Amino acid sequence: MKIIEIEGGKELSGTIRVSGAKNATVAIIPAAILADEEVTICNIPEITDTDALCDILHDLNVETTRASGSLVINPKNMVNTEIAEEHSKKLRASYYFMGALLGKYHKVSMFFPGGCSIGARPIDLHLKGFEALGAVVTKDKSKYTVEAKELKGANIYLDIASVGATINIMLAAVLAKGKTIIDNAAKEPEIVNVATFLNNMGAKITGAGTSRITIEGVESLHKCFHEIIPDRIEAGTYIIMGALCGKNLKIDNLIPEHLEALLSKLEEIGIDLEVGQDYVIVSKGTNLKPTNIKTAVYPGFPTDLQQPLTVLLTQCNGKSKLTETIWENRFMHINYLNMMGSDITVKNQTATIIGPTELKGHQVVATDLRAGAAMVAAGLAASGKTTVTNVEHILRGYEQIIEKLTSVGAKLKLKEIKDED
């Protein structure tokens, strides 16, 4: 088992460079198998989710070559075989192989995907989209088989603007016959990046980033070179850490437009920010004002940043309220923050935070990826020593988090300890 030990109270100063977007990477790697030739993807983050997806590629007899920050995927000798449960359950994004394999071979068989336990995460919208394109879905316990004699374009309305369903339907539709229209599509920047990747391979997709995406089916997809966009959630996490304990901390290689919801809230509560073309410089805030926040689909406030932001709200003067509208189990970090000295109550998907409170080091648990980031942020801001367990969650989504934070003055280390019997 891995743990992170943090000695809190250290000032963060210097530059952190943001890696490629996890949420784009985990869709683009499966999307690459739609091509008939090798594709090169750069700005790939070195995270365990990337490793897990490469394991699935190897199951499918897809050749991969990894170098510093890049991944070459060659599907020429691919075999459409059932994806092993041990690999699909490692991460939620394994479900993108459903859309890609269905689109290319008209048949896919795989087990229900894994991922963080942040609430009910059904894939009904994905399956309904596949059915609208002409597929038949069969479920046997936790295994799904999706197959079609032919995929034909369709008009598909998503009841919820789901990122996963939007991307998966795109993957299934790019090689289908005719036109597919996705209405109430999700608008996240990662969707635009995936659509750009598919278009670079020869797909005909328009409207990505709006609520209506149109896909004109093509015969085949070819080789391309593609760059992953910077990770807006990683950038936001480090900006929040800078607001807690930074001194002119520069977060570099980001796209400010992707972070407008967070940056506007930080300015509202009194954090001093310098926003450049591709960077943000942030310092620890003083005499901060409380605020109310409600998570929403993009361009609203991202659910993936509410957990780290909760830590900052403990330092505001007065009562803040944070309402979670996307996932029902996204407050599992609150108990651990209260152990560290915060004053937070949760009722009806709303956390009420009374501040400011002094945070003190404690042993805490990373219950999921972003809760883990929140625990690291709290440990950096707290006095004394904080030990974070279950850090495998954190390593799924933050490339070289220990090295990046250490380079700007944080005192923390990743340790391997033996599991107790």
Foldseek 3Di string as FASTA:
>chain_A
DKKKKFAADWAFADEFEFAFAPVLLLLQLLLQLQALAKAKEFSDFPFVSNVLSVVQCVVQVWDWDDDVRMIIIGNNPGHQDEGDQVSQQVAQSSCLNVLQCCQRPQKHKYFHHHAFPQADDDCVLLVVLLVQQAWDWDDDPGMIMIGHPAGAADEAEDPAQDQSSLSSSLNNAQAHAAKHKYAQHFQAPSQVQSVVSQVQQPWDWPDRNHRIIMTHHDNGGHYGYGYGAGHQLLLLLVQLLQQQRYDQYKYFRHAVVQCVQVVVVCVQQPWDWDDDRTMITTHHGDQGAAEEAEDDGPPGHHLLCPLLVLLVNLAYAAKHKYAYDPTPRSCPLVVVQVVQWWDWDDDPRMIIGHDPTAGAADEEECSAQSSQSNQVSSSHNHHGMHMYPPCSRPSNGGRPPVVSRVVRTIDMDMDDDDDDD
